N, C-alpha and C. Protein backbone atom coordinates (compact mmCIF):
# COMPACT_ATOMS: atom_id res chain seq x y z
N MET A 1 -45.63 35.09 8.85
CA MET A 1 -46.54 35.02 9.98
C MET A 1 -46.26 33.74 10.75
N HIS A 2 -46.17 33.84 12.06
CA HIS A 2 -45.85 32.70 12.91
C HIS A 2 -47.13 31.95 13.28
N PRO A 3 -47.05 30.61 13.37
CA PRO A 3 -48.22 29.85 13.82
C PRO A 3 -48.48 30.15 15.29
N PRO A 4 -49.75 30.02 15.73
CA PRO A 4 -50.07 30.30 17.13
C PRO A 4 -49.36 29.30 18.04
N PRO A 5 -49.03 29.71 19.25
CA PRO A 5 -48.37 28.80 20.19
C PRO A 5 -49.26 27.60 20.50
N LYS A 6 -48.63 26.46 20.84
CA LYS A 6 -49.37 25.24 21.14
C LYS A 6 -50.35 25.44 22.29
N SER A 7 -49.96 26.20 23.28
CA SER A 7 -50.84 26.40 24.44
C SER A 7 -52.13 27.09 24.02
N LEU A 8 -52.05 28.01 23.07
CA LEU A 8 -53.25 28.69 22.59
C LEU A 8 -54.14 27.72 21.82
N LEU A 9 -53.54 26.85 21.02
CA LEU A 9 -54.31 25.85 20.28
C LEU A 9 -55.01 24.88 21.23
N ILE A 10 -54.31 24.46 22.27
CA ILE A 10 -54.89 23.54 23.24
C ILE A 10 -56.05 24.22 23.97
N LEU A 11 -55.87 25.46 24.35
CA LEU A 11 -56.93 26.22 25.02
C LEU A 11 -58.14 26.36 24.11
N LEU A 12 -57.91 26.65 22.85
CA LEU A 12 -59.00 26.79 21.89
C LEU A 12 -59.73 25.45 21.70
N LEU A 13 -58.98 24.36 21.63
CA LEU A 13 -59.58 23.04 21.49
C LEU A 13 -60.44 22.71 22.71
N HIS A 14 -59.97 23.02 23.91
CA HIS A 14 -60.76 22.79 25.12
C HIS A 14 -62.05 23.60 25.10
N ALA A 15 -61.97 24.82 24.66
CA ALA A 15 -63.16 25.68 24.60
C ALA A 15 -64.19 25.10 23.64
N VAL A 16 -63.73 24.61 22.49
CA VAL A 16 -64.65 24.03 21.50
C VAL A 16 -65.28 22.76 22.06
N LEU A 17 -64.47 21.91 22.69
CA LEU A 17 -65.01 20.66 23.25
C LEU A 17 -65.99 20.94 24.38
N LEU A 18 -65.70 21.91 25.21
CA LEU A 18 -66.60 22.26 26.31
C LEU A 18 -67.92 22.79 25.77
N ALA A 19 -67.86 23.62 24.77
CA ALA A 19 -69.08 24.19 24.20
C ALA A 19 -69.94 23.13 23.53
N ALA A 20 -69.33 22.06 23.06
CA ALA A 20 -70.08 21.01 22.37
C ALA A 20 -70.47 19.86 23.30
N SER A 21 -70.11 19.94 24.57
CA SER A 21 -70.42 18.84 25.48
C SER A 21 -71.93 18.73 25.69
N PRO A 22 -72.43 17.53 25.99
CA PRO A 22 -73.87 17.36 26.21
C PRO A 22 -74.39 18.25 27.33
N HIS A 23 -73.59 18.44 28.38
CA HIS A 23 -74.03 19.29 29.49
C HIS A 23 -74.22 20.74 29.01
N ALA A 24 -73.27 21.23 28.24
CA ALA A 24 -73.38 22.60 27.73
C ALA A 24 -74.56 22.73 26.78
N LEU A 25 -74.79 21.71 25.95
CA LEU A 25 -75.92 21.75 25.03
C LEU A 25 -77.24 21.73 25.80
N ALA A 26 -77.30 20.94 26.87
CA ALA A 26 -78.53 20.87 27.66
C ALA A 26 -78.84 22.21 28.30
N GLN A 27 -77.81 22.95 28.68
CA GLN A 27 -78.05 24.24 29.31
C GLN A 27 -78.61 25.24 28.31
N ARG A 28 -78.37 25.04 27.04
CA ARG A 28 -78.87 25.98 26.04
C ARG A 28 -80.26 25.62 25.55
N LEU A 29 -80.71 24.40 25.84
CA LEU A 29 -82.04 24.00 25.41
C LEU A 29 -83.08 24.61 26.35
N PRO A 30 -84.25 24.94 25.84
CA PRO A 30 -85.29 25.47 26.72
C PRO A 30 -85.74 24.42 27.72
N ALA A 31 -86.15 24.88 28.89
CA ALA A 31 -86.64 23.97 29.91
C ALA A 31 -87.95 23.33 29.44
N ALA A 32 -88.20 22.13 29.93
CA ALA A 32 -89.43 21.43 29.57
C ALA A 32 -90.63 22.15 30.18
N ALA A 33 -91.74 22.14 29.47
CA ALA A 33 -92.98 22.75 29.96
C ALA A 33 -93.71 21.74 30.85
N CYS A 34 -94.58 22.25 31.69
CA CYS A 34 -95.32 21.36 32.59
C CYS A 34 -96.30 20.48 31.80
N THR A 35 -96.67 19.39 32.43
CA THR A 35 -97.60 18.47 31.78
C THR A 35 -99.03 19.01 31.91
N PRO A 36 -99.89 18.75 30.95
CA PRO A 36 -101.27 19.23 31.04
C PRO A 36 -101.99 18.73 32.31
N GLN A 37 -101.72 17.50 32.71
CA GLN A 37 -102.37 16.95 33.91
C GLN A 37 -101.96 17.74 35.16
N GLU A 38 -100.69 18.07 35.26
CA GLU A 38 -100.23 18.81 36.43
C GLU A 38 -100.71 20.26 36.39
N ARG A 39 -100.78 20.83 35.20
CA ARG A 39 -101.34 22.18 35.05
C ARG A 39 -102.79 22.20 35.52
N ASP A 40 -103.56 21.21 35.09
CA ASP A 40 -104.97 21.13 35.49
C ASP A 40 -105.11 20.93 37.00
N ALA A 41 -104.20 20.16 37.59
CA ALA A 41 -104.23 19.94 39.04
C ALA A 41 -104.00 21.26 39.79
N LEU A 42 -103.07 22.05 39.31
CA LEU A 42 -102.80 23.34 39.96
C LEU A 42 -103.97 24.31 39.76
N LEU A 43 -104.58 24.28 38.60
CA LEU A 43 -105.74 25.15 38.37
C LEU A 43 -106.91 24.74 39.26
N ALA A 44 -107.07 23.43 39.48
CA ALA A 44 -108.12 22.95 40.39
C ALA A 44 -107.80 23.39 41.82
N PHE A 45 -106.53 23.36 42.20
CA PHE A 45 -106.13 23.84 43.52
C PHE A 45 -106.46 25.33 43.64
N LYS A 46 -106.17 26.09 42.60
CA LYS A 46 -106.45 27.53 42.60
C LYS A 46 -107.94 27.81 42.79
N GLN A 47 -108.80 26.95 42.26
CA GLN A 47 -110.24 27.14 42.39
C GLN A 47 -110.69 27.14 43.85
N GLY A 48 -109.94 26.46 44.71
CA GLY A 48 -110.29 26.41 46.12
C GLY A 48 -109.83 27.61 46.92
N ILE A 49 -109.09 28.51 46.28
CA ILE A 49 -108.56 29.69 46.97
C ILE A 49 -109.51 30.87 46.74
N THR A 50 -109.79 31.61 47.79
CA THR A 50 -110.57 32.83 47.66
C THR A 50 -109.66 33.87 47.02
N ILE A 51 -109.93 34.20 45.77
CA ILE A 51 -109.04 35.06 45.00
C ILE A 51 -108.85 36.42 45.67
N SER A 52 -109.88 36.93 46.34
CA SER A 52 -109.73 38.23 47.01
C SER A 52 -108.69 38.19 48.11
N SER A 53 -108.34 36.98 48.58
CA SER A 53 -107.32 36.87 49.61
C SER A 53 -105.91 36.95 49.02
N ASP A 54 -105.80 36.86 47.71
CA ASP A 54 -104.50 36.88 47.04
C ASP A 54 -104.08 38.33 46.79
N THR A 55 -103.83 39.05 47.87
CA THR A 55 -103.52 40.48 47.76
C THR A 55 -102.19 40.74 47.05
N ALA A 56 -101.27 39.78 47.08
CA ALA A 56 -99.98 39.96 46.41
C ALA A 56 -100.05 39.59 44.93
N GLY A 57 -101.19 39.07 44.49
CA GLY A 57 -101.34 38.70 43.09
C GLY A 57 -100.55 37.47 42.68
N LEU A 58 -100.21 36.64 43.65
CA LEU A 58 -99.42 35.44 43.38
C LEU A 58 -100.09 34.56 42.32
N LEU A 59 -101.38 34.34 42.48
CA LEU A 59 -102.08 33.42 41.58
C LEU A 59 -102.48 34.06 40.25
N ALA A 60 -102.23 35.35 40.10
CA ALA A 60 -102.57 36.03 38.85
C ALA A 60 -101.76 35.47 37.68
N SER A 61 -100.56 34.97 37.97
CA SER A 61 -99.73 34.40 36.90
C SER A 61 -100.20 33.00 36.50
N TRP A 62 -101.12 32.44 37.25
CA TRP A 62 -101.57 31.08 37.01
C TRP A 62 -102.65 31.05 35.93
N ARG A 63 -102.29 31.47 34.74
CA ARG A 63 -103.26 31.44 33.64
C ARG A 63 -102.63 31.07 32.31
N GLU A 64 -101.32 31.18 32.21
CA GLU A 64 -100.63 30.81 30.98
C GLU A 64 -100.60 29.29 30.86
N ASP A 65 -100.25 28.80 29.67
CA ASP A 65 -100.22 27.36 29.44
C ASP A 65 -99.15 26.64 30.24
N ASP A 66 -97.99 27.26 30.39
CA ASP A 66 -96.87 26.58 31.04
C ASP A 66 -96.84 26.91 32.53
N CYS A 67 -97.31 25.97 33.34
CA CYS A 67 -97.36 26.21 34.78
C CYS A 67 -95.97 26.33 35.39
N CYS A 68 -94.95 25.92 34.67
CA CYS A 68 -93.58 26.06 35.17
C CYS A 68 -93.16 27.53 35.23
N GLN A 69 -93.91 28.40 34.58
CA GLN A 69 -93.62 29.83 34.60
C GLN A 69 -94.43 30.56 35.66
N TRP A 70 -95.29 29.86 36.35
CA TRP A 70 -96.15 30.49 37.35
C TRP A 70 -95.37 30.77 38.62
N ARG A 71 -95.73 31.87 39.28
CA ARG A 71 -95.10 32.21 40.56
C ARG A 71 -95.45 31.14 41.60
N GLY A 72 -94.45 30.75 42.35
CA GLY A 72 -94.65 29.76 43.41
C GLY A 72 -94.52 28.32 42.94
N VAL A 73 -94.38 28.11 41.65
CA VAL A 73 -94.29 26.75 41.09
C VAL A 73 -92.88 26.55 40.54
N ARG A 74 -92.28 25.42 40.88
CA ARG A 74 -90.98 25.08 40.31
C ARG A 74 -91.08 23.70 39.67
N CYS A 75 -90.53 23.59 38.49
CA CYS A 75 -90.58 22.34 37.74
C CYS A 75 -89.17 21.82 37.49
N SER A 76 -89.11 20.55 37.19
CA SER A 76 -87.85 19.95 36.76
C SER A 76 -87.54 20.49 35.36
N ASN A 77 -86.35 21.01 35.16
CA ASN A 77 -85.96 21.50 33.84
C ASN A 77 -85.90 20.36 32.82
N ARG A 78 -85.66 19.17 33.31
CA ARG A 78 -85.49 18.02 32.42
C ARG A 78 -86.83 17.42 32.00
N THR A 79 -87.75 17.27 32.97
CA THR A 79 -89.00 16.56 32.68
C THR A 79 -90.22 17.46 32.58
N GLY A 80 -90.16 18.63 33.19
CA GLY A 80 -91.32 19.51 33.22
C GLY A 80 -92.29 19.20 34.34
N HIS A 81 -92.02 18.17 35.13
CA HIS A 81 -92.91 17.83 36.24
C HIS A 81 -92.78 18.87 37.35
N VAL A 82 -93.91 19.17 37.98
CA VAL A 82 -93.91 20.09 39.11
C VAL A 82 -93.23 19.40 40.28
N VAL A 83 -92.17 20.02 40.80
CA VAL A 83 -91.43 19.43 41.92
C VAL A 83 -91.55 20.26 43.19
N ALA A 84 -92.02 21.50 43.08
CA ALA A 84 -92.16 22.33 44.27
C ALA A 84 -93.31 23.31 44.11
N LEU A 85 -94.01 23.50 45.21
CA LEU A 85 -95.09 24.49 45.28
C LEU A 85 -94.85 25.29 46.55
N ASN A 86 -94.48 26.56 46.38
CA ASN A 86 -94.17 27.41 47.52
C ASN A 86 -95.10 28.61 47.52
N LEU A 87 -96.12 28.54 48.35
CA LEU A 87 -97.09 29.62 48.48
C LEU A 87 -97.02 30.25 49.87
N ARG A 88 -95.91 30.08 50.51
CA ARG A 88 -95.71 30.54 51.88
C ARG A 88 -95.93 32.04 52.04
N GLY A 89 -96.67 32.37 53.09
CA GLY A 89 -96.77 33.75 53.54
C GLY A 89 -97.56 34.69 52.66
N HIS A 90 -98.49 34.19 51.89
CA HIS A 90 -99.28 35.07 51.02
C HIS A 90 -100.68 35.32 51.56
N GLU A 91 -100.94 34.84 52.78
CA GLU A 91 -102.22 35.05 53.46
C GLU A 91 -103.40 34.59 52.61
N LEU A 92 -103.19 33.50 51.89
CA LEU A 92 -104.26 32.93 51.07
C LEU A 92 -105.29 32.27 51.98
N VAL A 93 -106.53 32.33 51.56
CA VAL A 93 -107.64 31.74 52.31
C VAL A 93 -108.34 30.76 51.38
N GLY A 94 -108.64 29.58 51.91
CA GLY A 94 -109.38 28.63 51.10
C GLY A 94 -109.13 27.20 51.50
N GLU A 95 -109.44 26.32 50.57
CA GLU A 95 -109.38 24.89 50.83
C GLU A 95 -108.24 24.25 50.04
N ILE A 96 -107.53 23.35 50.69
CA ILE A 96 -106.47 22.59 50.03
C ILE A 96 -107.14 21.46 49.25
N SER A 97 -107.04 21.54 47.96
CA SER A 97 -107.73 20.60 47.08
C SER A 97 -106.99 19.27 46.96
N PRO A 98 -107.75 18.18 46.91
CA PRO A 98 -107.14 16.87 46.66
C PRO A 98 -106.50 16.79 45.27
N SER A 99 -106.70 17.81 44.45
CA SER A 99 -106.06 17.81 43.13
C SER A 99 -104.53 17.78 43.25
N LEU A 100 -104.01 18.15 44.42
CA LEU A 100 -102.56 18.09 44.62
C LEU A 100 -102.04 16.66 44.48
N LEU A 101 -102.92 15.69 44.66
CA LEU A 101 -102.51 14.29 44.49
C LEU A 101 -102.13 13.99 43.04
N SER A 102 -102.50 14.87 42.13
CA SER A 102 -102.13 14.70 40.71
C SER A 102 -100.76 15.32 40.41
N LEU A 103 -100.02 15.62 41.47
CA LEU A 103 -98.65 16.11 41.33
C LEU A 103 -97.71 15.06 41.92
N PRO A 104 -97.56 13.92 41.25
CA PRO A 104 -96.83 12.79 41.85
C PRO A 104 -95.34 13.04 42.04
N HIS A 105 -94.78 14.05 41.40
CA HIS A 105 -93.35 14.32 41.51
C HIS A 105 -93.05 15.45 42.49
N LEU A 106 -94.09 15.92 43.18
CA LEU A 106 -93.93 17.02 44.12
C LEU A 106 -93.01 16.61 45.27
N GLU A 107 -91.95 17.39 45.47
CA GLU A 107 -90.98 17.12 46.53
C GLU A 107 -91.07 18.13 47.67
N HIS A 108 -91.48 19.35 47.35
CA HIS A 108 -91.55 20.41 48.35
C HIS A 108 -92.92 21.08 48.26
N LEU A 109 -93.56 21.21 49.41
CA LEU A 109 -94.87 21.86 49.49
C LEU A 109 -94.85 22.78 50.70
N ASP A 110 -94.97 24.08 50.46
CA ASP A 110 -94.98 25.03 51.56
C ASP A 110 -96.22 25.91 51.43
N LEU A 111 -97.19 25.65 52.29
CA LEU A 111 -98.43 26.41 52.33
C LEU A 111 -98.53 27.18 53.64
N SER A 112 -97.43 27.30 54.35
CA SER A 112 -97.45 27.93 55.67
C SER A 112 -97.78 29.42 55.59
N SER A 113 -98.22 29.95 56.71
CA SER A 113 -98.59 31.37 56.84
C SER A 113 -99.71 31.75 55.88
N ASN A 114 -100.64 30.85 55.71
CA ASN A 114 -101.86 31.06 54.95
C ASN A 114 -103.00 30.53 55.80
N SER A 115 -104.21 30.71 55.35
CA SER A 115 -105.37 30.13 56.04
C SER A 115 -105.99 29.10 55.11
N LEU A 116 -105.24 28.05 54.87
CA LEU A 116 -105.68 26.98 53.97
C LEU A 116 -105.93 25.73 54.80
N VAL A 117 -107.07 25.10 54.55
CA VAL A 117 -107.45 23.90 55.28
C VAL A 117 -107.96 22.86 54.30
N GLY A 118 -108.12 21.65 54.79
CA GLY A 118 -108.68 20.59 53.97
C GLY A 118 -110.19 20.63 54.01
N PRO A 119 -110.82 19.71 53.29
CA PRO A 119 -112.29 19.67 53.24
C PRO A 119 -112.93 19.53 54.62
N ALA A 120 -112.24 18.92 55.57
CA ALA A 120 -112.80 18.74 56.92
C ALA A 120 -112.43 19.89 57.85
N GLY A 121 -111.78 20.92 57.34
CA GLY A 121 -111.44 22.07 58.17
C GLY A 121 -110.11 21.97 58.88
N SER A 122 -109.31 20.98 58.55
CA SER A 122 -107.98 20.84 59.16
C SER A 122 -106.99 20.46 58.06
N ILE A 123 -105.77 20.13 58.48
CA ILE A 123 -104.79 19.68 57.49
C ILE A 123 -105.29 18.36 56.90
N PRO A 124 -105.43 18.31 55.59
CA PRO A 124 -106.01 17.11 54.99
C PRO A 124 -105.09 15.89 55.06
N GLU A 125 -105.69 14.76 55.37
CA GLU A 125 -104.93 13.51 55.46
C GLU A 125 -104.32 13.11 54.13
N PHE A 126 -104.95 13.48 53.03
CA PHE A 126 -104.45 13.03 51.72
C PHE A 126 -103.06 13.57 51.42
N LEU A 127 -102.63 14.62 52.12
CA LEU A 127 -101.27 15.12 51.89
C LEU A 127 -100.23 14.06 52.22
N GLY A 128 -100.57 13.15 53.11
CA GLY A 128 -99.67 12.05 53.45
C GLY A 128 -99.45 11.08 52.30
N SER A 129 -100.31 11.16 51.29
CA SER A 129 -100.18 10.28 50.13
C SER A 129 -99.20 10.81 49.09
N LEU A 130 -98.71 12.02 49.30
CA LEU A 130 -97.72 12.59 48.37
C LEU A 130 -96.37 11.99 48.74
N GLY A 131 -96.07 10.86 48.15
CA GLY A 131 -94.93 10.04 48.56
C GLY A 131 -93.56 10.61 48.28
N ASN A 132 -93.43 11.61 47.43
CA ASN A 132 -92.11 12.16 47.11
C ASN A 132 -91.76 13.40 47.92
N LEU A 133 -92.66 13.82 48.83
CA LEU A 133 -92.36 15.00 49.63
C LEU A 133 -91.13 14.75 50.49
N ILE A 134 -90.25 15.73 50.52
CA ILE A 134 -89.04 15.65 51.33
C ILE A 134 -89.26 16.51 52.56
N THR A 135 -89.00 15.92 53.73
CA THR A 135 -89.20 16.67 54.97
C THR A 135 -87.93 17.32 55.43
C-alpha cells in the first residue's frame, strides 16, 4: 500500500487546523442570551403598546426568557446585548417607553410606519440619550 501523496496530507492538515481555529470554534458555540435588564426593558416597552394593534403578532414572541430570539430584536452573538430593534411597518399603536434607555448598546432603532409616540404625544426627547445609535 502506498502512502498518501504529500498534497493530500497538507490539505488534511489545513482542514484540521481550520476546524480547530478559535474563529471556527466560536461559530459552533451558541450565541449569548440577552441580559435580564435588557429583557425587562423590552417587556416594559411592550407594555406601552396596544396589543390589539399587533395584527402581525410581532410581539407574541416576546415572552420567552431569551429576548435575542424575539422577532424584531437583534443581539450581539458575543455579548448578548440588544443592538437592534426593528419594529418597522407593523402598525403598532402606543407609547414609546423610556425603558429603551436601559438598552445602552442599541445601535439601530426602527419604529417607523407605526403610531408610536412619547409620553408628550410626539417623538420623545429621551431617544437622543441613546448614545450608540447609528444614523
